Amino acid sequence: FHEIYQGYVELFRSWGLYDKKTAGLFAAMRLNNVTNEI
């Protein structure tokens, strides 16, 4: 789940599209997977 999260952050940074909105959505994605982990 870390790899998926970090991969998307790096992808959108490389595209110049990483902003507050995308950061929030990716963070929400990672937190959702906390439940899946447990």
PDB file of all heavy atoms in Angstrom:
ATOM      1  N   PHE A   1       0.826  -1.202   0.000  1.00  0.00           N
ATOM      2  CA  PHE A   1       0.000   0.000   0.000  1.00  0.00           C
ATOM      3  C   PHE A   1       0.864   1.258   0.000  1.00  0.00           C
ATOM      4  O   PHE A   1       0.492   2.277  -0.602  1.00  0.00           O
ATOM      5  CB  PHE A   1      -0.961   0.001   1.182  1.00  0.00           C
ATOM      6  CG  PHE A   1      -2.043  -1.037   1.085  1.00  0.00           C
ATOM      7  CD1 PHE A   1      -2.352  -1.859   2.166  1.00  0.00           C
ATOM      8  CD2 PHE A   1      -2.764  -1.202  -0.089  1.00  0.00           C
ATOM      9  CE1 PHE A   1      -3.345  -2.810   2.081  1.00  0.00           C
ATOM     10  CE2 PHE A   1      -3.772  -2.152  -0.186  1.00  0.00           C
ATOM     11  CZ  PHE A   1      -4.067  -2.963   0.906  1.00  0.00           C
ATOM     12  N   HIS A   2       2.019   1.198   0.661  1.00  0.00           N
ATOM     13  CA  HIS A   2       2.962   2.317   0.581  1.00  0.00           C
ATOM     14  C   HIS A   2       3.425   2.529  -0.854  1.00  0.00           C
ATOM     15  O   HIS A   2       3.518   3.666  -1.338  1.00  0.00           O
ATOM     16  CB  HIS A   2       4.183   2.043   1.472  1.00  0.00           C
ATOM     17  CG  HIS A   2       4.042   2.573   2.868  1.00  0.00           C
ATOM     18  ND1 HIS A   2       2.885   3.116   3.358  1.00  0.00           N
ATOM     19  CD2 HIS A   2       4.944   2.640   3.894  1.00  0.00           C
ATOM     20  CE1 HIS A   2       3.059   3.486   4.624  1.00  0.00           C
ATOM     21  NE2 HIS A   2       4.300   3.216   4.958  1.00  0.00           N
ATOM     22  N   GLU A   3       3.758   1.456  -1.553  1.00  0.00           N
ATOM     23  CA  GLU A   3       4.236   1.565  -2.935  1.00  0.00           C
ATOM     24  C   GLU A   3       3.196   2.205  -3.841  1.00  0.00           C
ATOM     25  O   GLU A   3       3.525   3.037  -4.698  1.00  0.00           O
ATOM     26  CB  GLU A   3       4.616   0.185  -3.477  1.00  0.00           C
ATOM     27  CG  GLU A   3       5.934  -0.352  -2.965  1.00  0.00           C
ATOM     28  CD  GLU A   3       6.377  -1.575  -3.753  1.00  0.00           C
ATOM     29  OE1 GLU A   3       6.390  -1.511  -5.006  1.00  0.00           O
ATOM     30  OE2 GLU A   3       6.688  -2.595  -3.122  1.00  0.00           O
ATOM     31  N   ILE A   4       1.945   1.811  -3.668  1.00  0.00           N
ATOM     32  CA  ILE A   4       0.882   2.383  -4.494  1.00  0.00           C
ATOM     33  C   ILE A   4       0.743   3.873  -4.193  1.00  0.00           C
ATOM     34  O   ILE A   4       0.685   4.709  -5.111  1.00  0.00           O
ATOM     35  CB  ILE A   4      -0.454   1.648  -4.253  1.00  0.00           C
ATOM     36  CG1 ILE A   4      -0.346   0.191  -4.740  1.00  0.00           C
ATOM     37  CG2 ILE A   4      -1.598   2.363  -4.959  1.00  0.00           C
ATOM     38  CD1 ILE A   4      -1.513  -0.687  -4.336  1.00  0.00           C
ATOM     39  N   TYR A   5       0.716   4.220  -2.916  1.00  0.00           N
ATOM     40  CA  TYR A   5       0.588   5.629  -2.527  1.00  0.00           C
ATOM     41  C   TYR A   5       1.768   6.457  -3.039  1.00  0.00           C
ATOM     42  O   TYR A   5       1.586   7.486  -3.699  1.00  0.00           O
ATOM     43  CB  TYR A   5       0.481   5.738  -1.004  1.00  0.00           C
ATOM     44  CG  TYR A   5       0.658   7.146  -0.486  1.00  0.00           C
ATOM     45  CD1 TYR A   5      -0.362   8.086  -0.593  1.00  0.00           C
ATOM     46  CD2 TYR A   5       1.868   7.535   0.101  1.00  0.00           C
ATOM     47  CE1 TYR A   5      -0.186   9.381  -0.137  1.00  0.00           C
ATOM     48  CE2 TYR A   5       2.045   8.829   0.560  1.00  0.00           C
ATOM     49  CZ  TYR A   5       1.014   9.749   0.437  1.00  0.00           C
ATOM     50  OH  TYR A   5       1.194  11.026   0.884  1.00  0.00           O
ATOM     51  N   GLN A   6       2.980   5.996  -2.737  1.00  0.00           N
ATOM     52  CA  GLN A   6       4.162   6.766  -3.141  1.00  0.00           C
ATOM     53  C   GLN A   6       4.297   6.827  -4.662  1.00  0.00           C
ATOM     54  O   GLN A   6       4.755   7.832  -5.212  1.00  0.00           O
ATOM     55  CB  GLN A   6       5.407   6.152  -2.498  1.00  0.00           C
ATOM     56  CG  GLN A   6       5.442   6.347  -0.988  1.00  0.00           C
ATOM     57  CD  GLN A   6       6.548   5.555  -0.317  1.00  0.00           C
ATOM     58  OE1 GLN A   6       6.805   4.393  -0.673  1.00  0.00           O
ATOM     59  NE2 GLN A   6       7.209   6.157   0.661  1.00  0.00           N
ATOM     60  N   GLY A   7       3.886   5.752  -5.337  1.00  0.00           N
ATOM     61  CA  GLY A   7       3.942   5.746  -6.792  1.00  0.00           C
ATOM     62  C   GLY A   7       3.052   6.820  -7.395  1.00  0.00           C
ATOM     63  O   GLY A   7       3.449   7.506  -8.354  1.00  0.00           O
ATOM     64  N   TYR A   8       1.861   6.980  -6.842  1.00  0.00           N
ATOM     65  CA  TYR A   8       0.964   8.004  -7.367  1.00  0.00           C
ATOM     66  C   TYR A   8       1.456   9.410  -7.048  1.00  0.00           C
ATOM     67  O   TYR A   8       1.338  10.326  -7.881  1.00  0.00           O
ATOM     68  CB  TYR A   8      -0.457   7.787  -6.850  1.00  0.00           C
ATOM     69  CG  TYR A   8      -1.260   6.964  -7.833  1.00  0.00           C
ATOM     70  CD1 TYR A   8      -1.472   5.606  -7.628  1.00  0.00           C
ATOM     71  CD2 TYR A   8      -1.756   7.541  -8.990  1.00  0.00           C
ATOM     72  CE1 TYR A   8      -2.168   4.850  -8.548  1.00  0.00           C
ATOM     73  CE2 TYR A   8      -2.458   6.795  -9.922  1.00  0.00           C
ATOM     74  CZ  TYR A   8      -2.660   5.459  -9.697  1.00  0.00           C
ATOM     75  OH  TYR A   8      -3.330   4.709 -10.628  1.00  0.00           O
ATOM     76  N   VAL A   9       2.005   9.609  -5.858  1.00  0.00           N
ATOM     77  CA  VAL A   9       2.558  10.917  -5.516  1.00  0.00           C
ATOM     78  C   VAL A   9       3.681  11.277  -6.498  1.00  0.00           C
ATOM     79  O   VAL A   9       3.724  12.381  -7.047  1.00  0.00           O
ATOM     80  CB  VAL A   9       3.072  10.938  -4.067  1.00  0.00           C
ATOM     81  CG1 VAL A   9       3.881  12.207  -3.786  1.00  0.00           C
ATOM     82  CG2 VAL A   9       1.898  10.833  -3.083  1.00  0.00           C
ATOM     83  N   GLU A  10       4.590  10.337  -6.735  1.00  0.00           N
ATOM     84  CA  GLU A  10       5.717  10.602  -7.636  1.00  0.00           C
ATOM     85  C   GLU A  10       5.246  10.808  -9.067  1.00  0.00           C
ATOM     86  O   GLU A  10       5.773  11.668  -9.797  1.00  0.00           O
ATOM     87  CB  GLU A  10       6.710   9.437  -7.566  1.00  0.00           C
ATOM     88  CG  GLU A  10       7.429   9.337  -6.225  1.00  0.00           C
ATOM     89  CD  GLU A  10       8.202   8.044  -6.074  1.00  0.00           C
ATOM     90  OE1 GLU A  10       8.287   7.281  -7.063  1.00  0.00           O
ATOM     91  OE2 GLU A  10       8.708   7.785  -4.958  1.00  0.00           O
ATOM     92  N   LEU A  11       4.240  10.034  -9.493  1.00  0.00           N
ATOM     93  CA  LEU A  11       3.712  10.177 -10.848  1.00  0.00           C
ATOM     94  C   LEU A  11       3.150  11.576 -11.072  1.00  0.00           C
ATOM     95  O   LEU A  11       3.478  12.249 -12.058  1.00  0.00           O
ATOM     96  CB  LEU A  11       2.618   9.132 -11.108  1.00  0.00           C
ATOM     97  CG  LEU A  11       1.914   9.220 -12.467  1.00  0.00           C
ATOM     98  CD1 LEU A  11       2.865   8.843 -13.591  1.00  0.00           C
ATOM     99  CD2 LEU A  11       0.681   8.323 -12.490  1.00  0.00           C
ATOM    100  N   PHE A  12       2.319  12.032 -10.159  1.00  0.00           N
ATOM    101  CA  PHE A  12       1.683  13.330 -10.345  1.00  0.00           C
ATOM    102  C   PHE A  12       2.674  14.483 -10.168  1.00  0.00           C
ATOM    103  O   PHE A  12       2.518  15.533 -10.799  1.00  0.00           O
ATOM    104  CB  PHE A  12       0.474  13.460  -9.413  1.00  0.00           C
ATOM    105  CG  PHE A  12      -0.779  12.895 -10.021  1.00  0.00           C
ATOM    106  CD1 PHE A  12      -0.919  11.522 -10.220  1.00  0.00           C
ATOM    107  CD2 PHE A  12      -1.796  13.719 -10.443  1.00  0.00           C
ATOM    108  CE1 PHE A  12      -2.049  10.992 -10.800  1.00  0.00           C
ATOM    109  CE2 PHE A  12      -2.934  13.201 -11.042  1.00  0.00           C
ATOM    110  CZ  PHE A  12      -3.064  11.836 -11.216  1.00  0.00           C
ATOM    111  N   ARG A  13       3.676  14.273  -9.352  1.00  0.00           N
ATOM    112  CA  ARG A  13       4.733  15.283  -9.276  1.00  0.00           C
ATOM    113  C   ARG A  13       5.477  15.382 -10.601  1.00  0.00           C
ATOM    114  O   ARG A  13       5.800  16.481 -11.070  1.00  0.00           O
ATOM    115  CB  ARG A  13       5.697  14.942  -8.139  1.00  0.00           C
ATOM    116  CG  ARG A  13       5.188  15.381  -6.769  1.00  0.00           C
ATOM    117  CD  ARG A  13       6.161  15.027  -5.676  1.00  0.00           C
ATOM    118  NE  ARG A  13       5.736  15.577  -4.398  1.00  0.00           N
ATOM    119  CZ  ARG A  13       6.095  15.101  -3.206  1.00  0.00           C
ATOM    120  NH1 ARG A  13       6.907  14.055  -3.137  1.00  0.00           N
ATOM    121  NH2 ARG A  13       5.662  15.676  -2.105  1.00  0.00           N
ATOM    122  N   SER A  14       5.766  14.235 -11.210  1.00  0.00           N
ATOM    123  CA  SER A  14       6.493  14.245 -12.490  1.00  0.00           C
ATOM    124  C   SER A  14       5.668  14.902 -13.589  1.00  0.00           C
ATOM    125  O   SER A  14       6.216  15.441 -14.545  1.00  0.00           O
ATOM    126  CB  SER A  14       6.872  12.813 -12.895  1.00  0.00           C
ATOM    127  OG  SER A  14       5.730  12.075 -13.320  1.00  0.00           O
ATOM    128  N   TRP A  15       4.342  14.862 -13.465  1.00  0.00           N
ATOM    129  CA  TRP A  15       3.456  15.489 -14.441  1.00  0.00           C
ATOM    130  C   TRP A  15       3.173  16.960 -14.107  1.00  0.00           C
ATOM    131  O   TRP A  15       2.487  17.636 -14.875  1.00  0.00           O
ATOM    132  CB  TRP A  15       2.125  14.736 -14.502  1.00  0.00           C
ATOM    133  CG  TRP A  15       2.190  13.410 -15.196  1.00  0.00           C
ATOM    134  CD1 TRP A  15       3.206  12.914 -15.938  1.00  0.00           C
ATOM    135  CD2 TRP A  15       1.156  12.413 -15.207  1.00  0.00           C
ATOM    136  NE1 TRP A  15       2.885  11.664 -16.421  1.00  0.00           N
ATOM    137  CE2 TRP A  15       1.626  11.324 -15.991  1.00  0.00           C
ATOM    138  CE3 TRP A  15      -0.105  12.310 -14.651  1.00  0.00           C
ATOM    139  CZ2 TRP A  15       0.879  10.176 -16.214  1.00  0.00           C
ATOM    140  CZ3 TRP A  15      -0.866  11.170 -14.866  1.00  0.00           C
ATOM    141  CH2 TRP A  15      -0.375  10.112 -15.641  1.00  0.00           C
ATOM    142  N   GLY A  16       3.657  17.426 -12.957  1.00  0.00           N
ATOM    143  CA  GLY A  16       3.351  18.791 -12.530  1.00  0.00           C
ATOM    144  C   GLY A  16       1.908  18.964 -12.092  1.00  0.00           C
ATOM    145  O   GLY A  16       1.368  20.072 -12.136  1.00  0.00           O
ATOM    146  N   LEU A  17       1.275  17.875 -11.658  1.00  0.00           N
ATOM    147  CA  LEU A  17      -0.143  17.905 -11.286  1.00  0.00           C
ATOM    148  C   LEU A  17      -0.376  17.597  -9.807  1.00  0.00           C
ATOM    149  O   LEU A  17      -1.513  17.359  -9.397  1.00  0.00           O
ATOM    150  CB  LEU A  17      -0.925  16.885 -12.140  1.00  0.00           C
ATOM    151  CG  LEU A  17      -0.952  17.142 -13.647  1.00  0.00           C
ATOM    152  CD1 LEU A  17      -1.657  16.001 -14.372  1.00  0.00           C
ATOM    153  CD2 LEU A  17      -1.643  18.469 -13.949  1.00  0.00           C
ATOM    154  N   TYR A  18       0.699  17.606  -9.039  1.00  0.00           N
ATOM    155  CA  TYR A  18       0.543  17.314  -7.606  1.00  0.00           C
ATOM    156  C   TYR A  18       0.231  18.618  -6.873  1.00  0.00           C
ATOM    157  O   TYR A  18       1.057  19.525  -6.805  1.00  0.00           O
ATOM    158  CB  TYR A  18       1.827  16.688  -7.056  1.00  0.00           C
ATOM    159  CG  TYR A  18       1.694  16.161  -5.638  1.00  0.00           C
ATOM    160  CD1 TYR A  18       0.908  15.045  -5.375  1.00  0.00           C
ATOM    161  CD2 TYR A  18       2.347  16.785  -4.583  1.00  0.00           C
ATOM    162  CE1 TYR A  18       0.783  14.551  -4.087  1.00  0.00           C
ATOM    163  CE2 TYR A  18       2.230  16.291  -3.283  1.00  0.00           C
ATOM    164  CZ  TYR A  18       1.440  15.183  -3.047  1.00  0.00           C
ATOM    165  OH  TYR A  18       1.306  14.699  -1.767  1.00  0.00           O
ATOM    166  N   ASP A  19      -0.985  18.713  -6.348  1.00  0.00           N
ATOM    167  CA  ASP A  19      -1.406  19.914  -5.641  1.00  0.00           C
ATOM    168  C   ASP A  19      -2.163  19.504  -4.383  1.00  0.00           C
ATOM    169  O   ASP A  19      -2.196  18.327  -4.011  1.00  0.00           O
ATOM    170  CB  ASP A  19      -2.274  20.799  -6.541  1.00  0.00           C
ATOM    171  CG  ASP A  19      -3.466  20.047  -7.136  1.00  0.00           C
ATOM    172  OD1 ASP A  19      -3.849  18.992  -6.589  1.00  0.00           O
ATOM    173  OD2 ASP A  19      -4.017  20.505  -8.154  1.00  0.00           O
ATOM    174  N   LYS A  20      -2.761  20.459  -3.734  1.00  0.00           N
ATOM    175  CA  LYS A  20      -3.453  20.188  -2.466  1.00  0.00           C
ATOM    176  C   LYS A  20      -4.577  19.179  -2.647  1.00  0.00           C
ATOM    177  O   LYS A  20      -4.772  18.291  -1.806  1.00  0.00           O
ATOM    178  CB  LYS A  20      -4.005  21.497  -1.888  1.00  0.00           C
ATOM    179  CG  LYS A  20      -4.606  21.347  -0.505  1.00  0.00           C
ATOM    180  CD  LYS A  20      -5.017  22.702   0.060  1.00  0.00           C
ATOM    181  CE  LYS A  20      -5.586  22.541   1.470  1.00  0.00           C
ATOM    182  NZ  LYS A  20      -5.984  23.857   2.046  1.00  0.00           N
ATOM    183  N   LYS A  21      -5.309  19.295  -3.754  1.00  0.00           N
ATOM    184  CA  LYS A  21      -6.426  18.372  -4.002  1.00  0.00           C
ATOM    185  C   LYS A  21      -5.932  16.942  -4.173  1.00  0.00           C
ATOM    186  O   LYS A  21      -6.444  16.011  -3.545  1.00  0.00           O
ATOM    187  CB  LYS A  21      -7.207  18.811  -5.234  1.00  0.00           C
ATOM    188  CG  LYS A  21      -8.350  17.858  -5.589  1.00  0.00           C
ATOM    189  CD  LYS A  21      -9.021  18.272  -6.886  1.00  0.00           C
ATOM    190  CE  LYS A  21     -10.109  17.262  -7.273  1.00  0.00           C
ATOM    191  NZ  LYS A  21     -10.762  17.638  -8.568  1.00  0.00           N
ATOM    192  N   THR A  22      -4.943  16.771  -5.052  1.00  0.00           N
ATOM    193  CA  THR A  22      -4.442  15.411  -5.286  1.00  0.00           C
ATOM    194  C   THR A  22      -3.769  14.856  -4.040  1.00  0.00           C
ATOM    195  O   THR A  22      -3.907  13.671  -3.729  1.00  0.00           O
ATOM    196  CB  THR A  22      -3.461  15.383  -6.467  1.00  0.00           C
ATOM    197  OG1 THR A  22      -2.401  16.309  -6.235  1.00  0.00           O
ATOM    198  CG2 THR A  22      -4.153  15.721  -7.765  1.00  0.00           C
ATOM    199  N   ALA A  23      -3.046  15.702  -3.303  1.00  0.00           N
ATOM    200  CA  ALA A  23      -2.406  15.243  -2.071  1.00  0.00           C
ATOM    201  C   ALA A  23      -3.448  14.718  -1.096  1.00  0.00           C
ATOM    202  O   ALA A  23      -3.266  13.673  -0.456  1.00  0.00           O
ATOM    203  CB  ALA A  23      -1.608  16.377  -1.435  1.00  0.00           C
ATOM    204  N   GLY A  24      -4.577  15.435  -0.998  1.00  0.00           N
ATOM    205  CA  GLY A  24      -5.640  15.004  -0.098  1.00  0.00           C
ATOM    206  C   GLY A  24      -6.270  13.695  -0.537  1.00  0.00           C
ATOM    207  O   GLY A  24      -6.560  12.819   0.290  1.00  0.00           O
ATOM    208  N   LEU A  25      -6.462  13.541  -1.840  1.00  0.00           N
ATOM    209  CA  LEU A  25      -7.071  12.301  -2.348  1.00  0.00           C
ATOM    210  C   LEU A  25      -6.144  11.102  -2.158  1.00  0.00           C
ATOM    211  O   LEU A  25      -6.584  10.011  -1.787  1.00  0.00           O
ATOM    212  CB  LEU A  25      -7.426  12.472  -3.819  1.00  0.00           C
ATOM    213  CG  LEU A  25      -8.649  13.350  -4.104  1.00  0.00           C
ATOM    214  CD1 LEU A  25      -8.762  13.636  -5.586  1.00  0.00           C
ATOM    215  CD2 LEU A  25      -9.926  12.670  -3.611  1.00  0.00           C
ATOM    216  N   PHE A  26      -4.852  11.307  -2.393  1.00  0.00           N
ATOM    217  CA  PHE A  26      -3.913  10.201  -2.215  1.00  0.00           C
ATOM    218  C   PHE A  26      -3.777   9.847  -0.734  1.00  0.00           C
ATOM    219  O   PHE A  26      -3.622   8.677  -0.374  1.00  0.00           O
ATOM    220  CB  PHE A  26      -2.547  10.550  -2.814  1.00  0.00           C
ATOM    221  CG  PHE A  26      -2.570  10.713  -4.304  1.00  0.00           C
ATOM    222  CD1 PHE A  26      -1.682  11.579  -4.938  1.00  0.00           C
ATOM    223  CD2 PHE A  26      -3.471  10.011  -5.091  1.00  0.00           C
ATOM    224  CE1 PHE A  26      -1.692  11.735  -6.312  1.00  0.00           C
ATOM    225  CE2 PHE A  26      -3.497  10.163  -6.466  1.00  0.00           C
ATOM    226  CZ  PHE A  26      -2.612  11.035  -7.079  1.00  0.00           C
ATOM    227  N   ALA A  27      -3.819  10.868   0.135  1.00  0.00           N
ATOM    228  CA  ALA A  27      -3.771  10.603   1.572  1.00  0.00           C
ATOM    229  C   ALA A  27      -5.000   9.810   2.005  1.00  0.00           C
ATOM    230  O   ALA A  27      -4.898   8.858   2.792  1.00  0.00           O
ATOM    231  CB  ALA A  27      -3.680  11.917   2.346  1.00  0.00           C
ATOM    232  N   ALA A  28      -6.157  10.179   1.479  1.00  0.00           N
ATOM    233  CA  ALA A  28      -7.383   9.445   1.801  1.00  0.00           C
ATOM    234  C   ALA A  28      -7.289   8.000   1.338  1.00  0.00           C
ATOM    235  O   ALA A  28      -7.729   7.073   2.030  1.00  0.00           O
ATOM    236  CB  ALA A  28      -8.584  10.138   1.158  1.00  0.00           C
ATOM    237  N   MET A  29      -6.701   7.801   0.152  1.00  0.00           N
ATOM    238  CA  MET A  29      -6.495   6.454  -0.372  1.00  0.00           C
ATOM    239  C   MET A  29      -5.623   5.636   0.571  1.00  0.00           C
ATOM    240  O   MET A  29      -5.930   4.488   0.884  1.00  0.00           O
ATOM    241  CB  MET A  29      -5.838   6.550  -1.750  1.00  0.00           C
ATOM    242  CG  MET A  29      -5.367   5.241  -2.350  1.00  0.00           C
ATOM    243  SD  MET A  29      -4.526   5.508  -3.941  1.00  0.00           S
ATOM    244  CE  MET A  29      -2.928   6.136  -3.407  1.00  0.00           C
ATOM    245  N   ARG A  30      -4.549   6.248   1.049  1.00  0.00           N
ATOM    246  CA  ARG A  30      -3.641   5.520   1.946  1.00  0.00           C
ATOM    247  C   ARG A  30      -4.311   5.203   3.274  1.00  0.00           C
ATOM    248  O   ARG A  30      -4.129   4.103   3.819  1.00  0.00           O
ATOM    249  CB  ARG A  30      -2.356   6.332   2.183  1.00  0.00           C
ATOM    250  CG  ARG A  30      -1.307   5.560   2.999  1.00  0.00           C
ATOM    251  CD  ARG A  30      -0.863   4.317   2.276  1.00  0.00           C
ATOM    252  NE  ARG A  30      -0.063   3.403   3.076  1.00  0.00           N
ATOM    253  CZ  ARG A  30      -0.550   2.412   3.812  1.00  0.00           C
ATOM    254  NH1 ARG A  30      -1.874   2.202   3.871  1.00  0.00           N
ATOM    255  NH2 ARG A  30       0.241   1.607   4.491  1.00  0.00           N
ATOM    256  N   LEU A  31      -5.093   6.126   3.806  1.00  0.00           N
ATOM    257  CA  LEU A  31      -5.768   5.883   5.077  1.00  0.00           C
ATOM    258  C   LEU A  31      -6.848   4.813   4.935  1.00  0.00           C
ATOM    259  O   LEU A  31      -7.063   4.012   5.848  1.00  0.00           O
ATOM    260  CB  LEU A  31      -6.373   7.179   5.611  1.00  0.00           C
ATOM    261  CG  LEU A  31      -5.368   8.262   6.009  1.00  0.00           C
ATOM    262  CD1 LEU A  31      -6.089   9.496   6.518  1.00  0.00           C
ATOM    263  CD2 LEU A  31      -4.393   7.754   7.053  1.00  0.00           C
ATOM    264  N   ASN A  32      -7.522   4.783   3.796  1.00  0.00           N
ATOM    265  CA  ASN A  32      -8.502   3.734   3.549  1.00  0.00           C
ATOM    266  C   ASN A  32      -7.850   2.357   3.603  1.00  0.00           C
ATOM    267  O   ASN A  32      -8.431   1.388   4.108  1.00  0.00           O
ATOM    268  CB  ASN A  32      -9.160   3.946   2.188  1.00  0.00           C
ATOM    269  CG  ASN A  32     -10.240   2.924   1.908  1.00  0.00           C
ATOM    270  OD1 ASN A  32     -11.254   2.872   2.593  1.00  0.00           O
ATOM    271  ND2 ASN A  32     -10.034   2.108   0.887  1.00  0.00           N
ATOM    272  N   ASN A  33      -6.618   2.279   3.117  1.00  0.00           N
ATOM    273  CA  ASN A  33      -5.925   0.992   3.131  1.00  0.00           C
ATOM    274  C   ASN A  33      -5.395   0.613   4.512  1.00  0.00           C
ATOM    275  O   ASN A  33      -4.997  -0.537   4.712  1.00  0.00           O
ATOM    276  CB  ASN A  33      -4.790   0.999   2.101  1.00  0.00           C
ATOM    277  CG  ASN A  33      -5.309   0.792   0.694  1.00  0.00           C
ATOM    278  OD1 ASN A  33      -6.289   0.080   0.484  1.00  0.00           O
ATOM    279  ND2 ASN A  33      -4.673   1.433  -0.281  1.00  0.00           N
ATOM    280  N   VAL A  34      -5.402   1.557   5.455  1.00  0.00           N
ATOM    281  CA  VAL A  34      -5.103   1.196   6.846  1.00  0.00           C
ATOM    282  C   VAL A  34      -6.141   0.179   7.328  1.00  0.00           C
ATOM    283  O   VAL A  34      -5.806  -0.817   7.976  1.00  0.00           O
ATOM    284  CB  VAL A  34      -5.103   2.446   7.751  1.00  0.00           C
ATOM    285  CG1 VAL A  34      -5.171   2.060   9.228  1.00  0.00           C
ATOM    286  CG2 VAL A  34      -3.849   3.280   7.486  1.00  0.00           C
ATOM    287  N   THR A  35      -7.397   0.433   6.997  1.00  0.00           N
ATOM    288  CA  THR A  35      -8.450  -0.515   7.357  1.00  0.00           C
ATOM    289  C   THR A  35      -8.223  -1.868   6.695  1.00  0.00           C
ATOM    290  O   THR A  35      -8.377  -2.919   7.319  1.00  0.00           O
ATOM    291  CB  THR A  35      -9.823   0.051   6.949  1.00  0.00           C
ATOM    292  OG1 THR A  35     -10.082   1.236   7.727  1.00  0.00           O
ATOM    293  CG2 THR A  35     -10.924  -0.958   7.197  1.00  0.00           C
ATOM    294  N   ASN A  36      -7.839  -1.854   5.418  1.00  0.00           N
ATOM    295  CA  ASN A  36      -7.586  -3.121   4.717  1.00  0.00           C
ATOM    296  C   ASN A  36      -6.413  -3.871   5.333  1.00  0.00           C
ATOM    297  O   ASN A  36      -6.427  -5.110   5.412  1.00  0.00           O
ATOM    298  CB  ASN A  36      -7.320  -2.844   3.235  1.00  0.00           C
ATOM    299  CG  ASN A  36      -8.534  -2.310   2.521  1.00  0.00           C
ATOM    300  OD1 ASN A  36      -9.662  -2.653   2.873  1.00  0.00           O
ATOM    301  ND2 ASN A  36      -8.336  -1.469   1.526  1.00  0.00           N
ATOM    302  N   GLU A  37      -5.387  -3.151   5.742  1.00  0.00           N
ATOM    303  CA  GLU A  37      -4.239  -3.792   6.409  1.00  0.00           C
ATOM    304  C   GLU A  37      -4.672  -4.512   7.676  1.00  0.00           C
ATOM    305  O   GLU A  37      -4.320  -5.670   7.903  1.00  0.00           O
ATOM    306  CB  GLU A  37      -3.194  -2.743   6.796  1.00  0.00           C
ATOM    307  CG  GLU A  37      -2.277  -2.304   5.695  1.00  0.00           C
ATOM    308  CD  GLU A  37      -1.214  -1.352   6.218  1.00  0.00           C
ATOM    309  OE1 GLU A  37      -0.468  -1.736   7.144  1.00  0.00           O
ATOM    310  OE2 GLU A  37      -1.131  -0.225   5.706  1.00  0.00           O
ATOM    311  N   ILE A  38      -5.394  -3.799   8.525  1.00  0.00           N
ATOM    312  CA  ILE A  38      -5.794  -4.384   9.806  1.00  0.00           C
ATOM    313  C   ILE A  38      -6.765  -5.534   9.578  1.00  0.00           C
ATOM    314  O   ILE A  38      -6.677  -6.579  10.225  1.00  0.00           O
ATOM    315  CB  ILE A  38      -6.410  -3.311  10.716  1.00  0.00           C
ATOM    316  CG1 ILE A  38      -5.388  -2.203  10.988  1.00  0.00           C
ATOM    317  CG2 ILE A  38      -6.865  -3.929  12.036  1.00  0.00           C
ATOM    318  CD1 ILE A  38      -5.930  -1.022  11.775  1.00  0.00           C
TER     319      ILE A  38
END
